[in-house]
Amino acid sequence: MNWDIFPESVCIALLAMAGLLLTASLVSMALVKLKPEHDYRELRLRIKTWWWIAAVFALAVLFNRAVSVWVFGFISFLAFKEYLSLIPTRRADHRVLLWAYLAIPVQYFWVWLGWYGLFIIFIPVYMLLILPMRMVLIGETQGFLRAAGTIHWGLMITVFSLSHMAYLLVLPAADNPAGGSAGVLIYLVFLTEINDVSQYIWGKTFGKRKIIPKVSPGKTIAGFWGGVLTTAGLAVWLAPYLTPLTLFEAAGAGCLIGVAGFIGDVTISALKRDLGVKDSGSILPGHGGILDRLDSLTYTAPLLFHYVYYLHY
């Protein structure tokens, strides 16, 4: 572990994350006791799952770069595997999927090297060209466009998007004196977690008007705005301790995470509705699969990365 190179603020943030989750767990237990007529099962499941996610991310940042990158690569592997278990694939595509899986270690190898140029174009450009080429060589044209689109989109969401979290750890620590190399990652995960839980709580407490009922009937306008404003407020408060962002920039980052987290959530919901499934899997205790809980991060991770990268790196 690399405890000695961590700024004090990062260690405090990890403890604060654990404290917040503990508080949320106690509040959810109290709500069950005080208002037994309401169903708080989904809230408790969300909090329980975020305990697991927070633990994994904490372990990832506590070790050296190689171990951290391996952890995120394994998460992408599980997410992509889960995605492929949901979408219909052609028998002819099984050989193509091997190439898609091989893209995962290659993408994270660029992260480990800190080679931004290849990291940013490998999957969006090279895999976009390589996968159809391999499909053409097989010679099966029936369903070609659908197969090419769904496989590449899956790589973009589960590998390219999520790999931005790992790349946050290889950004120069000197450019972020407050939080070092791990500060922005903790900031991202913490605020995405808060946005997810607060949108649910605000929606359940004050929500009446549905925002997109055909995609996600539980989402309300009050929940959306409550989550965005809560996330923006915490983003401003935490920024001086974990990031190089100014207060104005932090407010923008909080709004970005609030809106992007919502979009990521409903995008994966739309995918599941199209496929006719309730949960993307069962790997996480009580609340479905990897994609069910990382749905917000598929949008918040790349967008916050480029926001911070553009402003300070």
C-alpha atoms as a PDB file:
ATOM      1  CA  MET A   1       0.000   0.000   0.000  1.00  0.00           C
ATOM      2  CA  ASN A   2       1.119   3.546  -0.655  1.00  0.00           C
ATOM      3  CA  TRP A   3      -0.181   5.235   2.500  1.00  0.00           C
ATOM      4  CA  ASP A   4       2.895   7.420   2.771  1.00  0.00           C
ATOM      5  CA  ILE A   5       2.234   9.320  -0.474  1.00  0.00           C
ATOM      6  CA  PHE A   6      -1.422  10.067   0.270  1.00  0.00           C
ATOM      7  CA  PRO A   7      -2.361  13.623   1.211  1.00  0.00           C
ATOM      8  CA  GLU A   8      -4.148  13.792   4.543  1.00  0.00           C
ATOM      9  CA  SER A   9      -7.287  15.044   2.799  1.00  0.00           C
ATOM     10  CA  VAL A  10      -7.584  11.802   0.798  1.00  0.00           C
ATOM     11  CA  CYS A  11      -7.439   9.670   3.938  1.00  0.00           C
ATOM     12  CA  ILE A  12     -10.042  11.911   5.562  1.00  0.00           C
ATOM     13  CA  ALA A  13     -12.244  11.642   2.457  1.00  0.00           C
ATOM     14  CA  LEU A  14     -12.134   7.837   2.583  1.00  0.00           C
ATOM     15  CA  LEU A  15     -13.133   7.929   6.246  1.00  0.00           C
ATOM     16  CA  ALA A  16     -15.863  10.462   5.461  1.00  0.00           C
ATOM     17  CA  MET A  17     -17.213   8.196   2.722  1.00  0.00           C
ATOM     18  CA  ALA A  18     -17.421   5.326   5.203  1.00  0.00           C
ATOM     19  CA  GLY A  19     -19.038   7.630   7.774  1.00  0.00           C
ATOM     20  CA  LEU A  20     -21.619   8.832   5.289  1.00  0.00           C
ATOM     21  CA  LEU A  21     -22.530   5.295   4.277  1.00  0.00           C
ATOM     22  CA  LEU A  22     -22.798   4.327   7.942  1.00  0.00           C
ATOM     23  CA  THR A  23     -25.085   7.313   8.552  1.00  0.00           C
ATOM     24  CA  ALA A  24     -27.188   6.412   5.531  1.00  0.00           C
ATOM     25  CA  SER A  25     -27.487   2.831   6.789  1.00  0.00           C
ATOM     26  CA  LEU A  26     -28.640   4.023  10.226  1.00  0.00           C
ATOM     27  CA  VAL A  27     -31.121   6.486   8.700  1.00  0.00           C
ATOM     28  CA  SER A  28     -32.610   3.796   6.472  1.00  0.00           C
ATOM     29  CA  MET A  29     -33.028   1.528   9.516  1.00  0.00           C
ATOM     30  CA  ALA A  30     -34.701   4.364  11.413  1.00  0.00           C
ATOM     31  CA  LEU A  31     -37.077   5.078   8.526  1.00  0.00           C
ATOM     32  CA  VAL A  32     -38.171   1.439   8.503  1.00  0.00           C
ATOM     33  CA  LYS A  33     -38.964   1.691  12.214  1.00  0.00           C
ATOM     34  CA  LEU A  34     -40.641   5.114  12.066  1.00  0.00           C
ATOM     35  CA  LYS A  35     -42.616   4.608   8.860  1.00  0.00           C
ATOM     36  CA  PRO A  36     -43.277   0.885   8.474  1.00  0.00           C
ATOM     37  CA  GLU A  37     -46.061   1.613   5.996  1.00  0.00           C
ATOM     38  CA  HIS A  38     -43.495   2.763   3.410  1.00  0.00           C
ATOM     39  CA  ASP A  39     -41.304   0.399   1.434  1.00  0.00           C
ATOM     40  CA  TYR A  40     -37.646   1.359   1.881  1.00  0.00           C
ATOM     41  CA  ARG A  41     -36.226  -1.903   0.607  1.00  0.00           C
ATOM     42  CA  GLU A  42     -34.757  -0.391  -2.576  1.00  0.00           C
ATOM     43  CA  LEU A  43     -33.038   2.388  -0.612  1.00  0.00           C
ATOM     44  CA  ARG A  44     -31.455  -0.139   1.756  1.00  0.00           C
ATOM     45  CA  LEU A  45     -30.311  -2.260  -1.163  1.00  0.00           C
ATOM     46  CA  ARG A  46     -28.750   0.766  -2.870  1.00  0.00           C
ATOM     47  CA  ILE A  47     -26.850   1.673   0.296  1.00  0.00           C
ATOM     48  CA  LYS A  48     -25.721  -1.910   0.816  1.00  0.00           C
ATOM     49  CA  THR A  49     -24.416  -2.133  -2.715  1.00  0.00           C
ATOM     50  CA  TRP A  50     -22.615   1.214  -2.428  1.00  0.00           C
ATOM     51  CA  TRP A  51     -20.792  -0.210   0.605  1.00  0.00           C
ATOM     52  CA  TRP A  52     -19.348  -2.872  -1.692  1.00  0.00           C
ATOM     53  CA  ILE A  53     -18.505  -0.379  -4.427  1.00  0.00           C
ATOM     54  CA  ALA A  54     -16.869   2.061  -2.003  1.00  0.00           C
ATOM     55  CA  ALA A  55     -14.775  -0.763  -0.531  1.00  0.00           C
ATOM     56  CA  VAL A  56     -13.550  -1.851  -3.964  1.00  0.00           C
ATOM     57  CA  PHE A  57     -12.604   1.693  -4.992  1.00  0.00           C
ATOM     58  CA  ALA A  58     -10.883   2.345  -1.670  1.00  0.00           C
ATOM     59  CA  LEU A  59      -8.759  -0.778  -2.083  1.00  0.00           C
ATOM     60  CA  ALA A  60      -7.981   0.227  -5.667  1.00  0.00           C
ATOM     61  CA  VAL A  61      -6.548   3.600  -4.685  1.00  0.00           C
ATOM     62  CA  LEU A  62      -4.647   2.290  -1.659  1.00  0.00           C
ATOM     63  CA  PHE A  63      -2.322   0.118  -3.748  1.00  0.00           C
ATOM     64  CA  ASN A  64       0.244   0.988  -6.397  1.00  0.00           C
ATOM     65  CA  ARG A  65      -0.595   1.883  -9.973  1.00  0.00           C
ATOM     66  CA  ALA A  66      -0.320  -1.660 -11.369  1.00  0.00           C
ATOM     67  CA  VAL A  67      -2.729  -3.148  -8.817  1.00  0.00           C
ATOM     68  CA  SER A  68      -5.160  -0.235  -9.155  1.00  0.00           C
ATOM     69  CA  VAL A  69      -5.249  -0.490 -12.949  1.00  0.00           C
ATOM     70  CA  TRP A  70      -5.728  -4.269 -12.715  1.00  0.00           C
ATOM     71  CA  VAL A  71      -8.713  -3.791 -10.386  1.00  0.00           C
ATOM     72  CA  PHE A  72     -10.410  -1.349 -12.763  1.00  0.00           C
ATOM     73  CA  GLY A  73      -9.623  -3.583 -15.730  1.00  0.00           C
ATOM     74  CA  PHE A  74     -11.290  -6.511 -13.960  1.00  0.00           C
ATOM     75  CA  ILE A  75     -14.360  -4.362 -13.254  1.00  0.00           C
ATOM     76  CA  SER A  76     -14.567  -3.501 -16.964  1.00  0.00           C
ATOM     77  CA  PHE A  77     -14.211  -7.189 -17.834  1.00  0.00           C
ATOM     78  CA  LEU A  78     -17.125  -8.104 -15.541  1.00  0.00           C
ATOM     79  CA  ALA A  79     -19.249  -5.258 -16.898  1.00  0.00           C
ATOM     80  CA  PHE A  80     -18.558  -6.169 -20.542  1.00  0.00           C
ATOM     81  CA  LYS A  81     -19.193  -9.855 -19.871  1.00  0.00           C
ATOM     82  CA  GLU A  82     -22.489  -8.975 -18.209  1.00  0.00           C
ATOM     83  CA  TYR A  83     -23.421  -6.734 -21.144  1.00  0.00           C
ATOM     84  CA  LEU A  84     -22.752  -9.550 -23.624  1.00  0.00           C
ATOM     85  CA  SER A  85     -24.908 -11.902 -21.562  1.00  0.00           C
ATOM     86  CA  LEU A  86     -27.822  -9.527 -22.127  1.00  0.00           C
ATOM     87  CA  ILE A  87     -27.596  -8.677 -25.820  1.00  0.00           C
ATOM     88  CA  PRO A  88     -28.392 -11.145 -28.601  1.00  0.00           C
ATOM     89  CA  THR A  89     -25.273 -12.216 -30.487  1.00  0.00           C
ATOM     90  CA  ARG A  90     -24.829 -14.250 -33.652  1.00  0.00           C
ATOM     91  CA  ARG A  91     -23.030 -17.592 -33.562  1.00  0.00           C
ATOM     92  CA  ALA A  92     -20.580 -16.182 -36.124  1.00  0.00           C
ATOM     93  CA  ASP A  93     -19.631 -13.375 -33.729  1.00  0.00           C
ATOM     94  CA  HIS A  94     -18.097 -15.647 -31.103  1.00  0.00           C
ATOM     95  CA  ARG A  95     -14.670 -15.310 -32.738  1.00  0.00           C
ATOM     96  CA  VAL A  96     -15.145 -11.553 -32.960  1.00  0.00           C
ATOM     97  CA  LEU A  97     -15.878 -11.380 -29.224  1.00  0.00           C
ATOM     98  CA  LEU A  98     -12.392 -12.703 -28.501  1.00  0.00           C
ATOM     99  CA  TRP A  99     -10.980  -9.587 -30.164  1.00  0.00           C
ATOM    100  CA  ALA A 100     -13.360  -7.442 -28.140  1.00  0.00           C
ATOM    101  CA  TYR A 101     -12.238  -9.059 -24.881  1.00  0.00           C
ATOM    102  CA  LEU A 102      -8.584  -8.582 -25.851  1.00  0.00           C
ATOM    103  CA  ALA A 103      -9.273  -4.856 -26.159  1.00  0.00           C
ATOM    104  CA  ILE A 104      -9.738  -4.680 -22.375  1.00  0.00           C
ATOM    105  CA  PRO A 105      -6.140  -5.460 -21.317  1.00  0.00           C
ATOM    106  CA  VAL A 106      -4.810  -3.384 -24.210  1.00  0.00           C
ATOM    107  CA  GLN A 107      -6.886  -0.347 -23.154  1.00  0.00           C
ATOM    108  CA  TYR A 108      -5.715  -0.638 -19.553  1.00  0.00           C
ATOM    109  CA  PHE A 109      -2.137  -1.140 -20.708  1.00  0.00           C
ATOM    110  CA  TRP A 110      -2.284   2.361 -22.226  1.00  0.00           C
ATOM    111  CA  VAL A 111      -3.642   3.574 -18.881  1.00  0.00           C
ATOM    112  CA  TRP A 112      -0.778   1.936 -16.990  1.00  0.00           C
ATOM    113  CA  LEU A 113       1.732   3.540 -19.342  1.00  0.00           C
ATOM    114  CA  GLY A 114      -0.024   6.895 -19.022  1.00  0.00           C
ATOM    115  CA  TRP A 115      -0.119   7.087 -22.828  1.00  0.00           C
ATOM    116  CA  TYR A 116      -2.998   9.510 -23.257  1.00  0.00           C
ATOM    117  CA  GLY A 117      -2.866   9.609 -27.059  1.00  0.00           C
ATOM    118  CA  LEU A 118      -3.571   5.898 -27.522  1.00  0.00           C
ATOM    119  CA  PHE A 119      -5.816   5.669 -24.470  1.00  0.00           C
ATOM    120  CA  ILE A 120      -8.206   8.208 -25.917  1.00  0.00           C
ATOM    121  CA  ILE A 121      -8.480   6.757 -29.447  1.00  0.00           C
ATOM    122  CA  PHE A 122      -7.859   3.008 -29.154  1.00  0.00           C
ATOM    123  CA  ILE A 123     -11.461   1.880 -28.583  1.00  0.00           C
ATOM    124  CA  PRO A 124     -13.343   4.782 -30.238  1.00  0.00           C
ATOM    125  CA  VAL A 125     -11.241   4.587 -33.437  1.00  0.00           C
ATOM    126  CA  TYR A 126      -9.143   1.448 -33.745  1.00  0.00           C
ATOM    127  CA  MET A 127     -11.680  -1.026 -32.336  1.00  0.00           C
ATOM    128  CA  LEU A 128     -14.382   0.672 -34.400  1.00  0.00           C
ATOM    129  CA  LEU A 129     -12.352  -0.331 -37.468  1.00  0.00           C
ATOM    130  CA  ILE A 130     -10.967  -3.675 -36.290  1.00  0.00           C
ATOM    131  CA  LEU A 131     -14.202  -5.354 -35.158  1.00  0.00           C
ATOM    132  CA  PRO A 132     -16.100  -4.905 -38.472  1.00  0.00           C
ATOM    133  CA  MET A 133     -12.972  -5.994 -40.364  1.00  0.00           C
ATOM    134  CA  ARG A 134     -12.907  -9.260 -38.394  1.00  0.00           C
ATOM    135  CA  MET A 135     -16.640  -9.717 -38.975  1.00  0.00           C
ATOM    136  CA  VAL A 136     -16.208  -9.220 -42.720  1.00  0.00           C
ATOM    137  CA  LEU A 137     -13.513 -11.897 -42.839  1.00  0.00           C
ATOM    138  CA  ILE A 138     -15.986 -14.374 -41.322  1.00  0.00           C
ATOM    139  CA  GLY A 139     -18.299 -13.727 -44.257  1.00  0.00           C
ATOM    140  CA  GLU A 140     -21.659 -13.511 -42.442  1.00  0.00           C
ATOM    141  CA  THR A 141     -23.676 -10.480 -43.589  1.00  0.00           C
ATOM    142  CA  GLN A 142     -27.026 -11.206 -41.926  1.00  0.00           C
ATOM    143  CA  GLY A 143     -27.312  -8.914 -38.892  1.00  0.00           C
ATOM    144  CA  PHE A 144     -23.901  -7.359 -39.595  1.00  0.00           C
ATOM    145  CA  LEU A 145     -24.818  -3.749 -38.733  1.00  0.00           C
ATOM    146  CA  ARG A 146     -26.593  -4.639 -35.502  1.00  0.00           C
ATOM    147  CA  ALA A 147     -23.748  -6.860 -34.340  1.00  0.00           C
ATOM    148  CA  ALA A 148     -21.071  -4.272 -35.143  1.00  0.00           C
ATOM    149  CA  GLY A 149     -22.998  -1.522 -33.373  1.00  0.00           C
ATOM    150  CA  THR A 150     -23.929  -3.434 -30.221  1.00  0.00           C
ATOM    151  CA  ILE A 151     -20.466  -4.911 -29.625  1.00  0.00           C
ATOM    152  CA  HIS A 152     -18.666  -1.620 -30.118  1.00  0.00           C
ATOM    153  CA  TRP A 153     -21.192   0.326 -28.013  1.00  0.00           C
ATOM    154  CA  GLY A 154     -20.691  -2.219 -25.245  1.00  0.00           C
ATOM    155  CA  LEU A 155     -16.916  -1.652 -25.350  1.00  0.00           C
ATOM    156  CA  MET A 156     -17.429   2.096 -25.263  1.00  0.00           C
ATOM    157  CA  ILE A 157     -19.705   1.996 -22.207  1.00  0.00           C
ATOM    158  CA  THR A 158     -18.082  -0.748 -20.128  1.00  0.00           C
ATOM    159  CA  VAL A 159     -14.410  -0.373 -21.053  1.00  0.00           C
ATOM    160  CA  PHE A 160     -13.658   3.030 -22.577  1.00  0.00           C
ATOM    161  CA  SER A 161     -15.917   5.032 -20.251  1.00  0.00           C
ATOM    162  CA  LEU A 162     -14.953   3.192 -17.069  1.00  0.00           C
ATOM    163  CA  SER A 163     -11.231   3.239 -17.907  1.00  0.00           C
ATOM    164  CA  HIS A 164     -11.281   7.004 -17.335  1.00  0.00           C
ATOM    165  CA  MET A 165     -11.490   6.264 -13.615  1.00  0.00           C
ATOM    166  CA  ALA A 166      -8.215   4.370 -13.787  1.00  0.00           C
ATOM    167  CA  TYR A 167      -6.559   7.122 -15.823  1.00  0.00           C
ATOM    168  CA  LEU A 168      -7.383   9.626 -13.076  1.00  0.00           C
ATOM    169  CA  LEU A 169      -4.875   7.716 -10.924  1.00  0.00           C
ATOM    170  CA  VAL A 170      -2.028   8.232 -13.405  1.00  0.00           C
ATOM    171  CA  LEU A 171      -2.496  11.980 -13.838  1.00  0.00           C
ATOM    172  CA  PRO A 172       0.452  13.970 -12.396  1.00  0.00           C
ATOM    173  CA  ALA A 173      -0.004  14.268  -8.635  1.00  0.00           C
ATOM    174  CA  ALA A 174       1.917  17.558  -8.661  1.00  0.00           C
ATOM    175  CA  ASP A 175      -0.926  19.215 -10.570  1.00  0.00           C
ATOM    176  CA  ASN A 176      -3.314  18.421  -7.730  1.00  0.00           C
ATOM    177  CA  PRO A 177      -1.550  19.410  -4.481  1.00  0.00           C
ATOM    178  CA  ALA A 178      -4.755  19.076  -2.481  1.00  0.00           C
ATOM    179  CA  GLY A 179      -5.610  15.475  -3.295  1.00  0.00           C
ATOM    180  CA  GLY A 180      -2.746  13.985  -5.268  1.00  0.00           C
ATOM    181  CA  SER A 181      -3.389  11.333  -7.905  1.00  0.00           C
ATOM    182  CA  ALA A 182      -6.283   9.737  -6.005  1.00  0.00           C
ATOM    183  CA  GLY A 183      -8.155  12.893  -5.023  1.00  0.00           C
ATOM    184  CA  VAL A 184     -10.191  13.450  -8.186  1.00  0.00           C
ATOM    185  CA  LEU A 185     -11.126   9.752  -8.376  1.00  0.00           C
ATOM    186  CA  ILE A 186     -12.475   9.794  -4.817  1.00  0.00           C
ATOM    187  CA  TYR A 187     -14.273  13.049  -5.626  1.00  0.00           C
ATOM    188  CA  LEU A 188     -15.893  11.418  -8.676  1.00  0.00           C
ATOM    189  CA  VAL A 189     -16.995   8.213  -6.940  1.00  0.00           C
ATOM    190  CA  PHE A 190     -18.168   9.977  -3.780  1.00  0.00           C
ATOM    191  CA  LEU A 191     -20.299  12.526  -5.648  1.00  0.00           C
ATOM    192  CA  THR A 192     -21.722   9.931  -8.048  1.00  0.00           C
ATOM    193  CA  GLU A 193     -22.705   7.853  -5.022  1.00  0.00           C
ATOM    194  CA  ILE A 194     -24.291  10.875  -3.328  1.00  0.00           C
ATOM    195  CA  ASN A 195     -26.154  11.813  -6.492  1.00  0.00           C
ATOM    196  CA  ASP A 196     -27.537   8.290  -6.867  1.00  0.00           C
ATOM    197  CA  VAL A 197     -28.796   8.082  -3.278  1.00  0.00           C
ATOM    198  CA  SER A 198     -30.003  11.690  -2.990  1.00  0.00           C
ATOM    199  CA  GLN A 199     -31.993  11.547  -6.237  1.00  0.00           C
ATOM    200  CA  TYR A 200     -33.746   8.490  -4.850  1.00  0.00           C
ATOM    201  CA  ILE A 201     -34.428  10.099  -1.445  1.00  0.00           C
ATOM    202  CA  TRP A 202     -35.606  13.444  -2.880  1.00  0.00           C
ATOM    203  CA  GLY A 203     -37.796  11.628  -5.381  1.00  0.00           C
ATOM    204  CA  LYS A 204     -39.389   9.366  -2.775  1.00  0.00           C
ATOM    205  CA  THR A 205     -39.926  12.243  -0.344  1.00  0.00           C
ATOM    206  CA  PHE A 206     -41.137  15.052  -2.614  1.00  0.00           C
ATOM    207  CA  GLY A 207     -41.462  13.584  -6.086  1.00  0.00           C
ATOM    208  CA  LYS A 208     -44.835  13.633  -7.798  1.00  0.00           C
ATOM    209  CA  ARG A 209     -44.294  14.444 -11.467  1.00  0.00           C
ATOM    210  CA  LYS A 210     -42.489  11.751 -13.444  1.00  0.00           C
ATOM    211  CA  ILE A 211     -39.611  12.938 -15.601  1.00  0.00           C
ATOM    212  CA  ILE A 212     -39.414  10.090 -18.156  1.00  0.00           C
ATOM    213  CA  PRO A 213     -42.043   7.506 -17.121  1.00  0.00           C
ATOM    214  CA  LYS A 214     -41.626   5.304 -20.190  1.00  0.00           C
ATOM    215  CA  VAL A 215     -37.963   4.688 -19.413  1.00  0.00           C
ATOM    216  CA  SER A 216     -37.763   4.867 -15.618  1.00  0.00           C
ATOM    217  CA  PRO A 217     -41.128   5.262 -13.846  1.00  0.00           C
ATOM    218  CA  GLY A 218     -39.477   5.901 -10.471  1.00  0.00           C
ATOM    219  CA  LYS A 219     -37.605   9.023 -11.615  1.00  0.00           C
ATOM    220  CA  THR A 220     -39.230  12.342 -10.756  1.00  0.00           C
ATOM    221  CA  ILE A 221     -38.480  15.989 -11.470  1.00  0.00           C
ATOM    222  CA  ALA A 222     -38.050  16.685  -7.738  1.00  0.00           C
ATOM    223  CA  GLY A 223     -35.644  13.779  -7.420  1.00  0.00           C
ATOM    224  CA  PHE A 224     -33.595  14.975 -10.378  1.00  0.00           C
ATOM    225  CA  TRP A 225     -33.251  18.577  -9.218  1.00  0.00           C
ATOM    226  CA  GLY A 226     -32.799  17.593  -5.595  1.00  0.00           C
ATOM    227  CA  GLY A 227     -29.966  15.267  -6.557  1.00  0.00           C
ATOM    228  CA  VAL A 228     -28.277  17.818  -8.827  1.00  0.00           C
ATOM    229  CA  LEU A 229     -28.399  20.608  -6.236  1.00  0.00           C
ATOM    230  CA  THR A 230     -27.242  18.317  -3.413  1.00  0.00           C
ATOM    231  CA  THR A 231     -24.361  17.049  -5.530  1.00  0.00           C
ATOM    232  CA  ALA A 232     -23.382  20.559  -6.624  1.00  0.00           C
ATOM    233  CA  GLY A 233     -23.321  21.793  -3.028  1.00  0.00           C
ATOM    234  CA  LEU A 234     -21.131  18.918  -1.861  1.00  0.00           C
ATOM    235  CA  ALA A 235     -18.911  19.326  -4.930  1.00  0.00           C
ATOM    236  CA  VAL A 236     -18.143  22.925  -3.945  1.00  0.00           C
ATOM    237  CA  TRP A 237     -17.484  21.922  -0.328  1.00  0.00           C
ATOM    238  CA  LEU A 238     -15.156  19.011  -1.169  1.00  0.00           C
ATOM    239  CA  ALA A 239     -13.254  20.543  -4.084  1.00  0.00           C
ATOM    240  CA  PRO A 240     -10.540  22.384  -2.061  1.00  0.00           C
ATOM    241  CA  TYR A 241      -9.642  19.167  -0.241  1.00  0.00           C
ATOM    242  CA  LEU A 242      -9.528  16.726  -3.160  1.00  0.00           C
ATOM    243  CA  THR A 243      -9.185  18.581  -6.469  1.00  0.00           C
ATOM    244  CA  PRO A 244      -7.438  21.509  -8.175  1.00  0.00           C
ATOM    245  CA  LEU A 245     -10.845  23.002  -9.063  1.00  0.00           C
ATOM    246  CA  THR A 246     -11.841  26.528  -8.093  1.00  0.00           C
ATOM    247  CA  LEU A 247     -15.180  26.987  -6.354  1.00  0.00           C
ATOM    248  CA  PHE A 248     -16.849  28.108  -9.603  1.00  0.00           C
ATOM    249  CA  GLU A 249     -15.371  25.135 -11.475  1.00  0.00           C
ATOM    250  CA  ALA A 250     -16.455  22.807  -8.667  1.00  0.00           C
ATOM    251  CA  ALA A 251     -20.041  24.020  -8.938  1.00  0.00           C
ATOM    252  CA  GLY A 252     -19.902  23.157 -12.637  1.00  0.00           C
ATOM    253  CA  ALA A 253     -18.414  19.749 -11.834  1.00  0.00           C
ATOM    254  CA  GLY A 254     -21.199  19.034  -9.345  1.00  0.00           C
ATOM    255  CA  CYS A 255     -23.907  19.948 -11.843  1.00  0.00           C
ATOM    256  CA  LEU A 256     -22.131  17.875 -14.496  1.00  0.00           C
ATOM    257  CA  ILE A 257     -22.035  14.808 -12.232  1.00  0.00           C
ATOM    258  CA  GLY A 258     -25.662  15.301 -11.167  1.00  0.00           C
ATOM    259  CA  VAL A 259     -26.986  15.529 -14.730  1.00  0.00           C
ATOM    260  CA  ALA A 260     -24.613  12.939 -16.237  1.00  0.00           C
ATOM    261  CA  GLY A 261     -25.306  10.469 -13.427  1.00  0.00           C
ATOM    262  CA  PHE A 262     -29.019  10.734 -14.118  1.00  0.00           C
ATOM    263  CA  ILE A 263     -28.500  10.245 -17.871  1.00  0.00           C
ATOM    264  CA  GLY A 264     -26.234   7.246 -17.320  1.00  0.00           C
ATOM    265  CA  ASP A 265     -28.832   5.679 -15.023  1.00  0.00           C
ATOM    266  CA  VAL A 266     -31.741   6.086 -17.439  1.00  0.00           C
ATOM    267  CA  THR A 267     -29.634   5.053 -20.448  1.00  0.00           C
ATOM    268  CA  ILE A 268     -28.917   1.654 -18.904  1.00  0.00           C
ATOM    269  CA  SER A 269     -32.587   1.494 -17.847  1.00  0.00           C
ATOM    270  CA  ALA A 270     -33.575   2.026 -21.488  1.00  0.00           C
ATOM    271  CA  LEU A 271     -31.215  -0.784 -22.510  1.00  0.00           C
ATOM    272  CA  LYS A 272     -32.755  -3.171 -19.979  1.00  0.00           C
ATOM    273  CA  ARG A 273     -36.298  -2.231 -21.000  1.00  0.00           C
ATOM    274  CA  ASP A 274     -35.453  -2.838 -24.645  1.00  0.00           C
ATOM    275  CA  LEU A 275     -34.116  -6.281 -23.722  1.00  0.00           C
ATOM    276  CA  GLY A 276     -36.998  -7.038 -21.354  1.00  0.00           C
ATOM    277  CA  VAL A 277     -34.920  -7.574 -18.203  1.00  0.00           C
ATOM    278  CA  LYS A 278     -35.271  -5.992 -14.751  1.00  0.00           C
ATOM    279  CA  ASP A 279     -31.647  -6.346 -13.617  1.00  0.00           C
ATOM    280  CA  SER A 280     -28.508  -6.634 -15.705  1.00  0.00           C
ATOM    281  CA  GLY A 281     -27.248  -9.492 -13.511  1.00  0.00           C
ATOM    282  CA  SER A 282     -27.035 -10.815  -9.961  1.00  0.00           C
ATOM    283  CA  ILE A 283     -23.375 -10.363  -9.035  1.00  0.00           C
ATOM    284  CA  LEU A 284     -24.020  -7.568  -6.485  1.00  0.00           C
ATOM    285  CA  PRO A 285     -25.904  -8.474  -3.300  1.00  0.00           C
ATOM    286  CA  GLY A 286     -29.548  -7.590  -3.503  1.00  0.00           C
ATOM    287  CA  HIS A 287     -29.376  -5.125  -6.353  1.00  0.00           C
ATOM    288  CA  GLY A 288     -28.648  -6.773  -9.644  1.00  0.00           C
ATOM    289  CA  GLY A 289     -25.468  -6.676 -11.655  1.00  0.00           C
ATOM    290  CA  ILE A 290     -22.400  -4.540 -12.294  1.00  0.00           C
ATOM    291  CA  LEU A 291     -24.187  -2.365 -14.854  1.00  0.00           C
ATOM    292  CA  ASP A 292     -27.071  -1.727 -12.453  1.00  0.00           C
ATOM    293  CA  ARG A 293     -24.732   0.058 -10.074  1.00  0.00           C
ATOM    294  CA  LEU A 294     -22.096   1.455 -12.417  1.00  0.00           C
ATOM    295  CA  ASP A 295     -24.665   2.900 -14.810  1.00  0.00           C
ATOM    296  CA  SER A 296     -24.142   6.451 -13.524  1.00  0.00           C
ATOM    297  CA  LEU A 297     -20.348   6.123 -13.648  1.00  0.00           C
ATOM    298  CA  THR A 298     -20.428   5.179 -17.339  1.00  0.00           C
ATOM    299  CA  TYR A 299     -21.340   8.827 -17.962  1.00  0.00           C
ATOM    300  CA  THR A 300     -19.859  10.704 -15.003  1.00  0.00           C
ATOM    301  CA  ALA A 301     -16.371   9.153 -15.281  1.00  0.00           C
ATOM    302  CA  PRO A 302     -15.447  10.291 -18.822  1.00  0.00           C
ATOM    303  CA  LEU A 303     -17.221  13.640 -18.548  1.00  0.00           C
ATOM    304  CA  LEU A 304     -15.632  14.662 -15.238  1.00  0.00           C
ATOM    305  CA  PHE A 305     -12.249  13.365 -16.427  1.00  0.00           C
ATOM    306  CA  HIS A 306     -12.254  15.585 -19.513  1.00  0.00           C
ATOM    307  CA  TYR A 307     -13.673  18.522 -17.558  1.00  0.00           C
ATOM    308  CA  VAL A 308     -10.813  18.380 -15.045  1.00  0.00           C
ATOM    309  CA  TYR A 309      -8.206  17.420 -17.665  1.00  0.00           C
ATOM    310  CA  TYR A 310      -9.117  20.386 -19.856  1.00  0.00           C
ATOM    311  CA  LEU A 311      -9.036  22.861 -16.969  1.00  0.00           C
ATOM    312  CA  HIS A 312      -5.925  21.740 -15.071  1.00  0.00           C
ATOM    313  CA  TYR A 313      -3.760  19.185 -16.915  1.00  0.00           C
END
